[in-house]
Amino acid sequence: MTDQHTDDPRYEADIAPYRQPMVTSIGIIMGFMLNFLANWAVTDDDQSALQTPADWIVAGSIMASMILFAVVLYRLLDNRLSPQGQARRYAGTFRLYMAALVVAFTGFALGLVL
């Protein structure tokens, strides 16, 4: 009786070289954003931290980028074989990663300018 898993692997084996740096950077960036939100939301009075349109833009962009980063983390940590191939899956994941970065830092920049 032969082992079917050796002939037809269901999991990617060589994903660590591109997965580890991206997971580390996402953890650092998400930690920074959560720390920013925690310090920003703490006020001395009972008022909401979201008072101006700029506050809403910053909060919305951070939340949107955190959702995108969560999707990127899922795609990185899911090491099942992809029908489109490892290179195409990584390219799509990288585009999502860059979109999350752009959304996050655009929101921060707009918050500073507005």
N, C-alpha and C. Protein backbone atom coordinates (compact mmCIF):
# COMPACT_ATOMS: atom_id res chain seq x y z
N MET A 1 0.84 -1.18 0.00
CA MET A 1 0.00 0.00 0.00
C MET A 1 0.89 1.24 0.00
N THR A 2 0.65 2.15 -0.92
CA THR A 2 1.48 3.35 -1.03
C THR A 2 0.83 4.50 -0.30
N ASP A 3 1.66 5.41 0.11
CA ASP A 3 1.17 6.60 0.80
C ASP A 3 0.79 7.64 -0.25
N GLN A 4 -0.44 8.08 -0.25
CA GLN A 4 -0.91 9.04 -1.24
C GLN A 4 -0.34 10.43 -1.00
N HIS A 5 0.05 10.73 0.22
CA HIS A 5 0.52 12.08 0.54
C HIS A 5 1.89 12.38 -0.08
N THR A 6 2.70 11.36 -0.35
CA THR A 6 3.98 11.62 -0.98
C THR A 6 3.83 11.92 -2.46
N ASP A 7 2.82 11.34 -3.11
CA ASP A 7 2.61 11.59 -4.53
C ASP A 7 1.84 12.88 -4.78
N ASP A 8 0.97 13.24 -3.88
CA ASP A 8 0.10 14.40 -4.06
C ASP A 8 0.09 15.23 -2.77
N PRO A 9 1.12 16.06 -2.55
CA PRO A 9 1.13 16.85 -1.31
C PRO A 9 0.02 17.89 -1.32
N ARG A 10 -0.58 18.08 -0.17
CA ARG A 10 -1.68 19.04 -0.06
C ARG A 10 -1.24 20.36 0.56
N TYR A 11 0.01 20.44 0.99
CA TYR A 11 0.49 21.64 1.66
C TYR A 11 1.78 22.13 1.03
N GLU A 12 1.92 23.45 1.01
CA GLU A 12 3.16 24.04 0.51
C GLU A 12 4.26 23.80 1.53
N ALA A 13 5.44 23.46 1.07
CA ALA A 13 6.55 23.21 1.97
C ALA A 13 7.55 24.36 1.99
N ASP A 14 7.62 25.13 0.93
CA ASP A 14 8.65 26.16 0.80
C ASP A 14 8.07 27.57 0.88
N ILE A 15 7.32 27.86 1.91
CA ILE A 15 6.72 29.19 2.02
C ILE A 15 7.39 30.06 3.07
N ALA A 16 8.27 29.49 3.88
CA ALA A 16 8.89 30.24 4.98
C ALA A 16 9.71 31.43 4.52
N PRO A 17 10.46 31.36 3.42
CA PRO A 17 11.30 32.51 3.06
C PRO A 17 10.54 33.80 2.82
N TYR A 18 9.32 33.73 2.32
CA TYR A 18 8.57 34.96 2.12
C TYR A 18 7.52 35.18 3.19
N ARG A 19 7.15 34.15 3.91
CA ARG A 19 6.11 34.29 4.92
C ARG A 19 6.63 34.95 6.19
N GLN A 20 7.76 34.53 6.68
CA GLN A 20 8.24 35.01 7.97
C GLN A 20 8.47 36.52 8.03
N PRO A 21 9.15 37.14 7.05
CA PRO A 21 9.34 38.59 7.14
C PRO A 21 8.04 39.38 7.07
N MET A 22 7.10 38.90 6.24
CA MET A 22 5.84 39.62 6.10
C MET A 22 4.99 39.50 7.36
N VAL A 23 4.97 38.33 7.98
CA VAL A 23 4.22 38.14 9.22
C VAL A 23 4.81 39.02 10.32
N THR A 24 6.13 39.08 10.39
CA THR A 24 6.79 39.92 11.39
C THR A 24 6.45 41.39 11.19
N SER A 25 6.52 41.86 9.95
CA SER A 25 6.24 43.28 9.70
C SER A 25 4.77 43.60 9.97
N ILE A 26 3.86 42.68 9.65
CA ILE A 26 2.44 42.91 9.94
C ILE A 26 2.22 43.01 11.45
N GLY A 27 2.87 42.15 12.21
CA GLY A 27 2.75 42.21 13.66
C GLY A 27 3.24 43.53 14.22
N ILE A 28 4.33 44.03 13.71
CA ILE A 28 4.87 45.31 14.18
C ILE A 28 3.94 46.46 13.81
N ILE A 29 3.48 46.47 12.56
CA ILE A 29 2.61 47.56 12.10
C ILE A 29 1.27 47.53 12.83
N MET A 30 0.67 46.35 12.97
CA MET A 30 -0.61 46.26 13.68
C MET A 30 -0.44 46.64 15.15
N GLY A 31 0.68 46.27 15.76
CA GLY A 31 0.94 46.68 17.13
C GLY A 31 1.04 48.20 17.26
N PHE A 32 1.71 48.83 16.31
CA PHE A 32 1.80 50.28 16.30
C PHE A 32 0.42 50.92 16.17
N MET A 33 -0.39 50.39 15.25
CA MET A 33 -1.72 50.96 15.03
C MET A 33 -2.61 50.77 16.26
N LEU A 34 -2.57 49.61 16.88
CA LEU A 34 -3.37 49.37 18.09
C LEU A 34 -2.92 50.26 19.24
N ASN A 35 -1.61 50.46 19.37
CA ASN A 35 -1.10 51.35 20.41
C ASN A 35 -1.54 52.79 20.15
N PHE A 36 -1.49 53.20 18.89
CA PHE A 36 -1.95 54.54 18.54
C PHE A 36 -3.43 54.71 18.89
N LEU A 37 -4.25 53.73 18.51
CA LEU A 37 -5.68 53.81 18.82
C LEU A 37 -5.94 53.82 20.32
N ALA A 38 -5.20 53.02 21.06
CA ALA A 38 -5.41 52.97 22.51
C ALA A 38 -5.06 54.30 23.16
N ASN A 39 -3.94 54.90 22.76
CA ASN A 39 -3.55 56.19 23.34
C ASN A 39 -4.44 57.33 22.86
N TRP A 40 -4.93 57.23 21.65
CA TRP A 40 -5.76 58.27 21.07
C TRP A 40 -7.16 58.25 21.69
N ALA A 41 -7.67 57.08 22.00
CA ALA A 41 -9.03 56.96 22.52
C ALA A 41 -9.14 57.35 23.98
N VAL A 42 -8.03 57.36 24.70
CA VAL A 42 -8.06 57.70 26.12
C VAL A 42 -8.11 59.22 26.26
N THR A 43 -9.18 59.70 26.85
CA THR A 43 -9.32 61.13 27.11
C THR A 43 -9.62 61.35 28.57
N ASP A 44 -9.33 62.54 29.05
CA ASP A 44 -9.56 62.86 30.46
C ASP A 44 -11.04 63.09 30.76
N ASP A 45 -11.78 63.52 29.79
CA ASP A 45 -13.20 63.77 30.01
C ASP A 45 -14.03 62.63 29.42
N ASP A 46 -15.31 62.75 29.47
CA ASP A 46 -16.20 61.68 29.01
C ASP A 46 -16.57 61.81 27.54
N GLN A 47 -15.86 62.62 26.78
CA GLN A 47 -16.19 62.81 25.37
C GLN A 47 -15.58 61.71 24.51
N SER A 48 -16.20 61.50 23.38
CA SER A 48 -15.71 60.51 22.43
C SER A 48 -14.44 61.03 21.75
N ALA A 49 -13.57 60.12 21.38
CA ALA A 49 -12.36 60.50 20.66
C ALA A 49 -12.68 60.88 19.21
N LEU A 50 -13.83 60.45 18.72
CA LEU A 50 -14.22 60.73 17.33
C LEU A 50 -15.12 61.96 17.30
N GLN A 51 -14.51 63.13 17.17
CA GLN A 51 -15.28 64.37 17.20
C GLN A 51 -15.26 65.13 15.89
N THR A 52 -14.21 65.01 15.11
CA THR A 52 -14.09 65.75 13.86
C THR A 52 -14.08 64.78 12.68
N PRO A 53 -14.30 65.28 11.47
CA PRO A 53 -14.19 64.40 10.30
C PRO A 53 -12.80 63.75 10.17
N ALA A 54 -11.77 64.47 10.55
CA ALA A 54 -10.42 63.90 10.49
C ALA A 54 -10.29 62.70 11.43
N ASP A 55 -10.93 62.78 12.60
CA ASP A 55 -10.90 61.65 13.53
C ASP A 55 -11.56 60.42 12.90
N TRP A 56 -12.68 60.64 12.23
CA TRP A 56 -13.39 59.53 11.59
C TRP A 56 -12.57 58.95 10.44
N ILE A 57 -11.89 59.80 9.69
CA ILE A 57 -11.06 59.32 8.59
C ILE A 57 -9.92 58.46 9.12
N VAL A 58 -9.27 58.93 10.15
CA VAL A 58 -8.15 58.18 10.73
C VAL A 58 -8.64 56.85 11.29
N ALA A 59 -9.72 56.88 12.05
CA ALA A 59 -10.26 55.64 12.64
C ALA A 59 -10.72 54.66 11.56
N GLY A 60 -11.40 55.17 10.55
CA GLY A 60 -11.87 54.31 9.47
C GLY A 60 -10.73 53.70 8.67
N SER A 61 -9.71 54.50 8.39
CA SER A 61 -8.58 53.96 7.62
C SER A 61 -7.80 52.93 8.43
N ILE A 62 -7.66 53.16 9.72
CA ILE A 62 -6.95 52.18 10.56
C ILE A 62 -7.74 50.89 10.63
N MET A 63 -9.03 50.98 10.81
CA MET A 63 -9.86 49.77 10.87
C MET A 63 -9.84 49.02 9.53
N ALA A 64 -9.94 49.75 8.42
CA ALA A 64 -9.90 49.11 7.11
C ALA A 64 -8.55 48.43 6.87
N SER A 65 -7.47 49.10 7.25
CA SER A 65 -6.16 48.49 7.05
C SER A 65 -5.95 47.29 7.97
N MET A 66 -6.51 47.32 9.17
CA MET A 66 -6.38 46.17 10.06
C MET A 66 -7.15 44.96 9.50
N ILE A 67 -8.29 45.22 8.88
CA ILE A 67 -9.03 44.12 8.25
C ILE A 67 -8.22 43.55 7.08
N LEU A 68 -7.64 44.43 6.27
CA LEU A 68 -6.80 43.96 5.17
C LEU A 68 -5.59 43.17 5.69
N PHE A 69 -4.96 43.66 6.77
CA PHE A 69 -3.83 42.93 7.34
C PHE A 69 -4.26 41.56 7.87
N ALA A 70 -5.46 41.46 8.43
CA ALA A 70 -5.96 40.17 8.91
C ALA A 70 -6.15 39.21 7.74
N VAL A 71 -6.64 39.70 6.61
CA VAL A 71 -6.79 38.87 5.42
C VAL A 71 -5.41 38.42 4.93
N VAL A 72 -4.45 39.33 4.93
CA VAL A 72 -3.09 38.98 4.51
C VAL A 72 -2.51 37.90 5.43
N LEU A 73 -2.70 38.07 6.74
CA LEU A 73 -2.20 37.05 7.67
C LEU A 73 -2.85 35.70 7.42
N TYR A 74 -4.13 35.69 7.17
CA TYR A 74 -4.81 34.43 6.86
C TYR A 74 -4.19 33.77 5.63
N ARG A 75 -3.99 34.57 4.59
CA ARG A 75 -3.43 34.02 3.35
C ARG A 75 -2.00 33.52 3.56
N LEU A 76 -1.23 34.21 4.40
CA LEU A 76 0.13 33.79 4.65
C LEU A 76 0.21 32.52 5.49
N LEU A 77 -0.67 32.42 6.47
CA LEU A 77 -0.61 31.27 7.38
C LEU A 77 -1.33 30.05 6.84
N ASP A 78 -2.14 30.22 5.81
CA ASP A 78 -2.81 29.10 5.17
C ASP A 78 -1.85 28.51 4.14
N ASN A 79 -1.23 27.39 4.47
CA ASN A 79 -0.21 26.84 3.59
C ASN A 79 -0.71 25.68 2.72
N ARG A 80 -2.02 25.60 2.53
CA ARG A 80 -2.54 24.59 1.61
C ARG A 80 -2.13 24.92 0.18
N LEU A 81 -2.06 23.90 -0.64
CA LEU A 81 -1.72 24.13 -2.05
C LEU A 81 -2.78 25.00 -2.70
N SER A 82 -2.33 25.93 -3.49
CA SER A 82 -3.24 26.84 -4.18
C SER A 82 -3.35 26.41 -5.64
N PRO A 83 -4.58 26.38 -6.19
CA PRO A 83 -4.72 25.97 -7.60
C PRO A 83 -4.02 26.92 -8.57
N GLN A 84 -3.86 28.20 -8.19
CA GLN A 84 -3.21 29.14 -9.10
C GLN A 84 -1.69 29.12 -8.97
N GLY A 85 -1.15 28.40 -8.01
CA GLY A 85 0.29 28.30 -7.85
C GLY A 85 0.80 29.23 -6.77
N GLN A 86 1.95 28.86 -6.26
CA GLN A 86 2.53 29.60 -5.14
C GLN A 86 2.90 31.03 -5.53
N ALA A 87 3.48 31.22 -6.70
CA ALA A 87 3.93 32.55 -7.12
C ALA A 87 2.75 33.51 -7.29
N ARG A 88 1.68 33.06 -7.91
CA ARG A 88 0.51 33.94 -8.10
C ARG A 88 -0.17 34.25 -6.78
N ARG A 89 -0.23 33.27 -5.89
CA ARG A 89 -0.84 33.50 -4.58
C ARG A 89 -0.02 34.52 -3.79
N TYR A 90 1.29 34.40 -3.82
CA TYR A 90 2.14 35.35 -3.13
C TYR A 90 1.99 36.74 -3.73
N ALA A 91 1.90 36.84 -5.04
CA ALA A 91 1.74 38.15 -5.68
C ALA A 91 0.43 38.82 -5.24
N GLY A 92 -0.65 38.06 -5.17
CA GLY A 92 -1.92 38.61 -4.69
C GLY A 92 -1.86 39.00 -3.23
N THR A 93 -1.20 38.19 -2.43
CA THR A 93 -1.05 38.50 -1.01
C THR A 93 -0.21 39.75 -0.83
N PHE A 94 0.84 39.88 -1.62
CA PHE A 94 1.69 41.07 -1.53
C PHE A 94 0.94 42.33 -1.93
N ARG A 95 0.08 42.24 -2.95
CA ARG A 95 -0.74 43.40 -3.34
C ARG A 95 -1.68 43.80 -2.20
N LEU A 96 -2.29 42.83 -1.53
CA LEU A 96 -3.15 43.14 -0.38
C LEU A 96 -2.35 43.79 0.75
N TYR A 97 -1.15 43.28 0.98
CA TYR A 97 -0.27 43.83 2.02
C TYR A 97 0.05 45.29 1.72
N MET A 98 0.41 45.58 0.48
CA MET A 98 0.74 46.96 0.11
C MET A 98 -0.50 47.85 0.18
N ALA A 99 -1.66 47.34 -0.19
CA ALA A 99 -2.90 48.11 -0.09
C ALA A 99 -3.19 48.45 1.36
N ALA A 100 -2.98 47.51 2.27
CA ALA A 100 -3.20 47.77 3.69
C ALA A 100 -2.25 48.85 4.20
N LEU A 101 -1.00 48.80 3.77
CA LEU A 101 -0.03 49.84 4.16
C LEU A 101 -0.45 51.21 3.63
N VAL A 102 -0.86 51.26 2.37
CA VAL A 102 -1.26 52.54 1.77
C VAL A 102 -2.48 53.10 2.48
N VAL A 103 -3.47 52.27 2.77
CA VAL A 103 -4.67 52.73 3.46
C VAL A 103 -4.32 53.26 4.85
N ALA A 104 -3.48 52.55 5.57
CA ALA A 104 -3.12 52.97 6.94
C ALA A 104 -2.40 54.31 6.93
N PHE A 105 -1.36 54.42 6.13
CA PHE A 105 -0.56 55.64 6.17
C PHE A 105 -1.23 56.81 5.45
N THR A 106 -2.11 56.56 4.52
CA THR A 106 -2.91 57.63 3.93
C THR A 106 -3.85 58.21 4.98
N GLY A 107 -4.46 57.34 5.76
CA GLY A 107 -5.33 57.82 6.83
C GLY A 107 -4.60 58.65 7.86
N PHE A 108 -3.40 58.18 8.25
CA PHE A 108 -2.60 58.96 9.20
C PHE A 108 -2.23 60.32 8.61
N ALA A 109 -1.84 60.34 7.34
CA ALA A 109 -1.46 61.59 6.70
C ALA A 109 -2.64 62.55 6.58
N LEU A 110 -3.80 62.01 6.20
CA LEU A 110 -4.98 62.87 6.12
C LEU A 110 -5.38 63.40 7.49
N GLY A 111 -5.21 62.60 8.51
CA GLY A 111 -5.51 63.04 9.86
C GLY A 111 -4.59 64.18 10.30
N LEU A 112 -3.35 64.17 9.84
CA LEU A 112 -2.43 65.25 10.19
C LEU A 112 -2.75 66.52 9.44
N VAL A 113 -3.21 66.39 8.19
CA VAL A 113 -3.45 67.55 7.35
C VAL A 113 -4.81 68.19 7.64
N LEU A 114 -5.82 67.38 7.90
CA LEU A 114 -7.17 67.91 8.10
C LEU A 114 -7.35 68.55 9.44
